[in-house]
């Protein structure tokens, strides 16, 4: 039989456990990061849309015409240097794509679900897209390392398409920011968010 003192200690531990669980659940219902998370998410979305995903940028990084030109008209040392540098650029692109996707994921985990009121279905779909895109980024990095910048054109296409889908959902989730932007002549009229 359990002594009354042990029963009291067990009851106390259960009560403390319930309070700790309630504390963490109550903190989870509030947006994490506040304005920092919103700004980080907006910056990640801008970097993806303006720097990493535009077709002109992708054409320059993965241009077969450059590769063909160097392969035909350059010495072996120049070809090797070209492929080595292009591999570094492709690896850097894949790394930066992954970092910006991680920033967007932090935004969605921390703030978007509270401000944008995403449906459960959309959140699950988005979570699966984030997971698959992060996996694709790792595969791309491995392929670029082993096969070079020109070794995975289909996977690059899949990663770009998945990134575009995530950007579209993220842009919709951030649409509440557009209503709060200020148009001030002394500041940049395109990006002056007033956070709610």
C-alpha atoms as a PDB file:
ATOM      1  CA  UNK A   1       0.000   0.000   0.000  1.00  0.00           C
ATOM      2  CA  UNK A   2       1.198   3.504  -0.837  1.00  0.00           C
ATOM      3  CA  UNK A   3       1.848   5.773   2.085  1.00  0.00           C
ATOM      4  CA  UNK A   4      -0.061   9.080   2.339  1.00  0.00           C
ATOM      5  CA  UNK A   5       3.165  11.052   1.856  1.00  0.00           C
ATOM      6  CA  UNK A   6       3.918   9.349  -1.462  1.00  0.00           C
ATOM      7  CA  UNK A   7       0.320   9.941  -2.591  1.00  0.00           C
ATOM      8  CA  UNK A   8       0.684  13.619  -1.735  1.00  0.00           C
ATOM      9  CA  UNK A   9       3.952  13.879  -3.698  1.00  0.00           C
ATOM     10  CA  UNK A  10       2.455  12.098  -6.718  1.00  0.00           C
ATOM     11  CA  UNK A  11      -0.604  14.358  -6.639  1.00  0.00           C
ATOM     12  CA  UNK A  12       1.629  17.412  -6.407  1.00  0.00           C
ATOM     13  CA  UNK A  13       3.711  16.237  -9.408  1.00  0.00           C
ATOM     14  CA  UNK A  14       0.581  15.621 -11.487  1.00  0.00           C
ATOM     15  CA  UNK A  15      -0.776  19.094 -10.655  1.00  0.00           C
ATOM     16  CA  UNK A  16       2.557  20.719 -11.520  1.00  0.00           C
ATOM     17  CA  UNK A  17       2.643  18.739 -14.790  1.00  0.00           C
ATOM     18  CA  UNK A  18      -0.834  19.941 -15.715  1.00  0.00           C
ATOM     19  CA  UNK A  19       0.107  23.561 -15.006  1.00  0.00           C
ATOM     20  CA  UNK A  20       3.276  23.260 -17.089  1.00  0.00           C
ATOM     21  CA  UNK A  21       1.306  21.740 -19.969  1.00  0.00           C
ATOM     22  CA  UNK A  22      -1.314  24.499 -19.754  1.00  0.00           C
ATOM     23  CA  UNK A  23       1.408  27.141 -19.707  1.00  0.00           C
ATOM     24  CA  UNK A  24       3.003  25.810 -22.908  1.00  0.00           C
ATOM     25  CA  UNK A  25      -0.353  25.384 -24.618  1.00  0.00           C
ATOM     26  CA  UNK A  26      -1.349  28.956 -23.790  1.00  0.00           C
ATOM     27  CA  UNK A  27       1.933  30.320 -25.145  1.00  0.00           C
ATOM     28  CA  UNK A  28       1.441  28.332 -28.347  1.00  0.00           C
ATOM     29  CA  UNK A  29      -1.845  30.068 -29.086  1.00  0.00           C
ATOM     30  CA  UNK A  30      -0.084  33.416 -29.438  1.00  0.00           C
ATOM     31  CA  UNK A  31       1.867  34.435 -32.537  1.00  0.00           C
ATOM     32  CA  UNK A  32       5.544  33.766 -32.038  1.00  0.00           C
ATOM     33  CA  UNK A  33       8.038  36.417 -32.974  1.00  0.00           C
ATOM     34  CA  UNK A  34       5.556  39.193 -33.667  1.00  0.00           C
ATOM     35  CA  UNK A  35       6.777  41.792 -36.113  1.00  0.00           C
ATOM     36  CA  UNK A  36      10.212  40.185 -36.461  1.00  0.00           C
ATOM     37  CA  UNK A  37       8.629  37.022 -37.818  1.00  0.00           C
ATOM     38  CA  UNK A  38       6.474  39.030 -40.214  1.00  0.00           C
ATOM     39  CA  UNK A  39       9.436  41.006 -41.527  1.00  0.00           C
ATOM     40  CA  UNK A  40      11.571  37.886 -41.852  1.00  0.00           C
ATOM     41  CA  UNK A  41       8.800  36.144 -43.780  1.00  0.00           C
ATOM     42  CA  UNK A  42       8.318  39.140 -46.086  1.00  0.00           C
ATOM     43  CA  UNK A  43      12.074  39.384 -46.689  1.00  0.00           C
ATOM     44  CA  UNK A  44      12.287  35.665 -47.494  1.00  0.00           C
ATOM     45  CA  UNK A  45       9.358  35.921 -49.906  1.00  0.00           C
ATOM     46  CA  UNK A  46      10.945  38.935 -51.626  1.00  0.00           C
ATOM     47  CA  UNK A  47      14.312  37.163 -51.896  1.00  0.00           C
ATOM     48  CA  UNK A  48      12.676  34.124 -53.468  1.00  0.00           C
ATOM     49  CA  UNK A  49      10.525  36.079 -55.905  1.00  0.00           C
ATOM     50  CA  UNK A  50      13.074  38.713 -56.920  1.00  0.00           C
ATOM     51  CA  UNK A  51      16.440  37.026 -56.586  1.00  0.00           C
ATOM     52  CA  UNK A  52      16.275  33.233 -56.644  1.00  0.00           C
ATOM     53  CA  UNK A  53      13.308  32.237 -58.805  1.00  0.00           C
ATOM     54  CA  UNK A  54      13.096  34.706 -61.719  1.00  0.00           C
ATOM     55  CA  UNK A  55      13.597  32.890 -65.030  1.00  0.00           C
ATOM     56  CA  UNK A  56      16.384  35.300 -66.034  1.00  0.00           C
ATOM     57  CA  UNK A  57      18.394  34.340 -62.949  1.00  0.00           C
ATOM     58  CA  UNK A  58      17.815  30.625 -63.471  1.00  0.00           C
ATOM     59  CA  UNK A  59      18.760  30.954 -67.142  1.00  0.00           C
ATOM     60  CA  UNK A  60      22.058  32.594 -66.194  1.00  0.00           C
ATOM     61  CA  UNK A  61      22.951  30.051 -63.508  1.00  0.00           C
ATOM     62  CA  UNK A  62      21.965  26.954 -65.479  1.00  0.00           C
ATOM     63  CA  UNK A  63      22.592  28.214 -69.028  1.00  0.00           C
ATOM     64  CA  UNK A  64      23.476  25.375 -71.357  1.00  0.00           C
ATOM     65  CA  UNK A  65      24.606  27.941 -73.928  1.00  0.00           C
ATOM     66  CA  UNK A  66      27.437  29.043 -71.611  1.00  0.00           C
ATOM     67  CA  UNK A  67      28.408  25.435 -71.055  1.00  0.00           C
ATOM     68  CA  UNK A  68      28.376  24.640 -74.785  1.00  0.00           C
ATOM     69  CA  UNK A  69      30.413  27.753 -75.610  1.00  0.00           C
ATOM     70  CA  UNK A  70      33.107  26.964 -73.048  1.00  0.00           C
ATOM     71  CA  UNK A  71      33.127  23.284 -73.999  1.00  0.00           C
ATOM     72  CA  UNK A  72      33.751  24.080 -77.675  1.00  0.00           C
ATOM     73  CA  UNK A  73      36.130  27.028 -77.589  1.00  0.00           C
ATOM     74  CA  UNK A  74      38.137  26.786 -74.373  1.00  0.00           C
ATOM     75  CA  UNK A  75      41.080  24.796 -73.173  1.00  0.00           C
ATOM     76  CA  UNK A  76      40.651  21.895 -70.758  1.00  0.00           C
ATOM     77  CA  UNK A  77      41.844  24.048 -67.844  1.00  0.00           C
ATOM     78  CA  UNK A  78      39.286  26.766 -68.627  1.00  0.00           C
ATOM     79  CA  UNK A  79      36.508  24.175 -69.005  1.00  0.00           C
ATOM     80  CA  UNK A  80      37.424  22.629 -65.679  1.00  0.00           C
ATOM     81  CA  UNK A  81      37.522  26.036 -63.983  1.00  0.00           C
ATOM     82  CA  UNK A  82      34.182  26.994 -65.556  1.00  0.00           C
ATOM     83  CA  UNK A  83      32.488  23.801 -64.364  1.00  0.00           C
ATOM     84  CA  UNK A  84      34.004  24.167 -60.896  1.00  0.00           C
ATOM     85  CA  UNK A  85      32.791  27.767 -60.556  1.00  0.00           C
ATOM     86  CA  UNK A  86      29.361  26.952 -61.978  1.00  0.00           C
ATOM     87  CA  UNK A  87      29.078  24.105 -59.446  1.00  0.00           C
ATOM     88  CA  UNK A  88      29.859  26.552 -56.620  1.00  0.00           C
ATOM     89  CA  UNK A  89      27.206  28.957 -57.909  1.00  0.00           C
ATOM     90  CA  UNK A  90      24.607  26.180 -58.192  1.00  0.00           C
ATOM     91  CA  UNK A  91      25.429  24.920 -54.695  1.00  0.00           C
ATOM     92  CA  UNK A  92      25.152  28.461 -53.375  1.00  0.00           C
ATOM     93  CA  UNK A  93      21.794  28.901 -55.128  1.00  0.00           C
ATOM     94  CA  UNK A  94      20.451  25.648 -53.632  1.00  0.00           C
ATOM     95  CA  UNK A  95      21.717  26.647 -50.176  1.00  0.00           C
ATOM     96  CA  UNK A  96      20.140  30.100 -50.383  1.00  0.00           C
ATOM     97  CA  UNK A  97      16.872  28.629 -51.686  1.00  0.00           C
ATOM     98  CA  UNK A  98      16.790  26.296 -48.678  1.00  0.00           C
ATOM     99  CA  UNK A  99      17.533  29.132 -46.240  1.00  0.00           C
ATOM    100  CA  UNK A 100      14.749  31.333 -47.618  1.00  0.00           C
ATOM    101  CA  UNK A 101      12.302  28.418 -47.560  1.00  0.00           C
ATOM    102  CA  UNK A 102      13.244  27.791 -43.920  1.00  0.00           C
ATOM    103  CA  UNK A 103      12.577  31.487 -43.173  1.00  0.00           C
ATOM    104  CA  UNK A 104       9.162  31.250 -44.806  1.00  0.00           C
ATOM    105  CA  UNK A 105       8.428  28.089 -42.848  1.00  0.00           C
ATOM    106  CA  UNK A 106       9.323  29.866 -39.589  1.00  0.00           C
ATOM    107  CA  UNK A 107       6.971  32.685 -40.589  1.00  0.00           C
ATOM    108  CA  UNK A 108       4.135  30.239 -41.224  1.00  0.00           C
ATOM    109  CA  UNK A 109       4.776  28.311 -38.024  1.00  0.00           C
ATOM    110  CA  UNK A 110       5.092  31.464 -35.957  1.00  0.00           C
ATOM    111  CA  UNK A 111       2.697  34.052 -37.326  1.00  0.00           C
ATOM    112  CA  UNK A 112       0.857  33.323 -40.546  1.00  0.00           C
ATOM    113  CA  UNK A 113      -1.498  30.771 -39.074  1.00  0.00           C
ATOM    114  CA  UNK A 114      -2.724  33.353 -36.556  1.00  0.00           C
ATOM    115  CA  UNK A 115      -2.941  36.405 -38.798  1.00  0.00           C
ATOM    116  CA  UNK A 116      -3.999  34.870 -42.104  1.00  0.00           C
ATOM    117  CA  UNK A 117      -6.437  32.329 -40.697  1.00  0.00           C
ATOM    118  CA  UNK A 118      -5.306  29.490 -42.952  1.00  0.00           C
ATOM    119  CA  UNK A 119      -7.562  26.465 -43.110  1.00  0.00           C
ATOM    120  CA  UNK A 120      -6.327  23.184 -41.664  1.00  0.00           C
ATOM    121  CA  UNK A 121      -6.271  21.714 -45.164  1.00  0.00           C
ATOM    122  CA  UNK A 122      -4.092  24.569 -46.449  1.00  0.00           C
ATOM    123  CA  UNK A 123      -1.748  24.259 -43.452  1.00  0.00           C
ATOM    124  CA  UNK A 124      -1.315  20.518 -44.030  1.00  0.00           C
ATOM    125  CA  UNK A 125      -0.780  21.058 -47.754  1.00  0.00           C
ATOM    126  CA  UNK A 126       1.745  23.788 -47.022  1.00  0.00           C
ATOM    127  CA  UNK A 127       3.573  21.648 -44.454  1.00  0.00           C
ATOM    128  CA  UNK A 128       3.911  18.833 -46.982  1.00  0.00           C
ATOM    129  CA  UNK A 129       5.133  21.277 -49.637  1.00  0.00           C
ATOM    130  CA  UNK A 130       7.727  22.704 -47.238  1.00  0.00           C
ATOM    131  CA  UNK A 131       8.870  19.192 -46.353  1.00  0.00           C
ATOM    132  CA  UNK A 132       9.143  18.092 -49.979  1.00  0.00           C
ATOM    133  CA  UNK A 133      10.908  21.290 -51.030  1.00  0.00           C
ATOM    134  CA  UNK A 134      13.462  21.060 -48.230  1.00  0.00           C
ATOM    135  CA  UNK A 135      14.059  17.456 -49.264  1.00  0.00           C
ATOM    136  CA  UNK A 136      14.454  18.564 -52.902  1.00  0.00           C
ATOM    137  CA  UNK A 137      16.988  21.202 -51.848  1.00  0.00           C
ATOM    138  CA  UNK A 138      19.080  18.541 -50.134  1.00  0.00           C
ATOM    139  CA  UNK A 139      18.852  16.302 -53.198  1.00  0.00           C
ATOM    140  CA  UNK A 140      19.857  19.235 -55.416  1.00  0.00           C
ATOM    141  CA  UNK A 141      22.879  20.002 -53.286  1.00  0.00           C
ATOM    142  CA  UNK A 142      23.971  16.372 -53.494  1.00  0.00           C
ATOM    143  CA  UNK A 143      23.420  16.221 -57.249  1.00  0.00           C
ATOM    144  CA  UNK A 144      25.233  19.516 -57.823  1.00  0.00           C
ATOM    145  CA  UNK A 145      28.139  18.291 -55.733  1.00  0.00           C
ATOM    146  CA  UNK A 146      28.389  14.975 -57.591  1.00  0.00           C
ATOM    147  CA  UNK A 147      27.242  15.860 -61.129  1.00  0.00           C
ATOM    148  CA  UNK A 148      27.791  19.610 -61.340  1.00  0.00           C
ATOM    149  CA  UNK A 149      25.405  22.459 -62.121  1.00  0.00           C
ATOM    150  CA  UNK A 150      24.091  20.804 -65.269  1.00  0.00           C
ATOM    151  CA  UNK A 151      23.417  17.382 -63.777  1.00  0.00           C
ATOM    152  CA  UNK A 152      19.873  17.884 -62.473  1.00  0.00           C
ATOM    153  CA  UNK A 153      17.714  20.080 -64.735  1.00  0.00           C
ATOM    154  CA  UNK A 154      14.475  18.251 -63.882  1.00  0.00           C
ATOM    155  CA  UNK A 155      15.059  18.465 -60.160  1.00  0.00           C
ATOM    156  CA  UNK A 156      15.795  22.190 -60.520  1.00  0.00           C
ATOM    157  CA  UNK A 157      12.471  22.517 -62.368  1.00  0.00           C
ATOM    158  CA  UNK A 158      10.616  20.648 -59.613  1.00  0.00           C
ATOM    159  CA  UNK A 159      12.242  22.794 -56.920  1.00  0.00           C
ATOM    160  CA  UNK A 160      11.372  26.014 -58.766  1.00  0.00           C
ATOM    161  CA  UNK A 161       7.744  24.911 -59.269  1.00  0.00           C
ATOM    162  CA  UNK A 162       7.379  23.882 -55.612  1.00  0.00           C
ATOM    163  CA  UNK A 163       8.954  27.170 -54.493  1.00  0.00           C
ATOM    164  CA  UNK A 164       6.542  29.117 -56.683  1.00  0.00           C
ATOM    165  CA  UNK A 165       3.581  27.313 -55.089  1.00  0.00           C
ATOM    166  CA  UNK A 166       4.865  28.091 -51.597  1.00  0.00           C
ATOM    167  CA  UNK A 167       5.458  31.715 -52.593  1.00  0.00           C
ATOM    168  CA  UNK A 168       1.899  31.976 -53.868  1.00  0.00           C
ATOM    169  CA  UNK A 169       0.426  30.625 -50.629  1.00  0.00           C
ATOM    170  CA  UNK A 170       2.771  32.803 -48.574  1.00  0.00           C
ATOM    171  CA  UNK A 171       1.861  35.893 -50.554  1.00  0.00           C
ATOM    172  CA  UNK A 172      -1.814  35.220 -49.897  1.00  0.00           C
ATOM    173  CA  UNK A 173      -1.072  34.685 -46.216  1.00  0.00           C
ATOM    174  CA  UNK A 174       0.780  38.021 -46.121  1.00  0.00           C
ATOM    175  CA  UNK A 175      -1.943  39.910 -47.949  1.00  0.00           C
ATOM    176  CA  UNK A 176      -3.035  41.412 -44.634  1.00  0.00           C
ATOM    177  CA  UNK A 177       0.232  43.392 -44.670  1.00  0.00           C
ATOM    178  CA  UNK A 178      -0.742  45.217 -47.854  1.00  0.00           C
ATOM    179  CA  UNK A 179      -3.669  46.885 -46.096  1.00  0.00           C
ATOM    180  CA  UNK A 180      -1.296  48.306 -43.508  1.00  0.00           C
ATOM    181  CA  UNK A 181       1.416  49.659 -45.788  1.00  0.00           C
ATOM    182  CA  UNK A 182       2.102  53.361 -45.640  1.00  0.00           C
ATOM    183  CA  UNK A 183       2.714  55.561 -48.674  1.00  0.00           C
ATOM    184  CA  UNK A 184       5.180  58.132 -47.466  1.00  0.00           C
ATOM    185  CA  UNK A 185       7.220  60.226 -49.936  1.00  0.00           C
ATOM    186  CA  UNK A 186      10.218  60.255 -47.594  1.00  0.00           C
ATOM    187  CA  UNK A 187      10.359  56.477 -47.334  1.00  0.00           C
ATOM    188  CA  UNK A 188      10.285  53.642 -49.811  1.00  0.00           C
ATOM    189  CA  UNK A 189       6.653  53.532 -50.952  1.00  0.00           C
ATOM    190  CA  UNK A 190       6.897  49.897 -51.962  1.00  0.00           C
ATOM    191  CA  UNK A 191       7.968  48.460 -48.612  1.00  0.00           C
ATOM    192  CA  UNK A 192       6.833  50.318 -45.533  1.00  0.00           C
ATOM    193  CA  UNK A 193       4.820  47.791 -43.541  1.00  0.00           C
ATOM    194  CA  UNK A 194       2.778  48.986 -40.618  1.00  0.00           C
ATOM    195  CA  UNK A 195       2.323  45.936 -38.491  1.00  0.00           C
ATOM    196  CA  UNK A 196      -0.990  45.362 -36.794  1.00  0.00           C
END
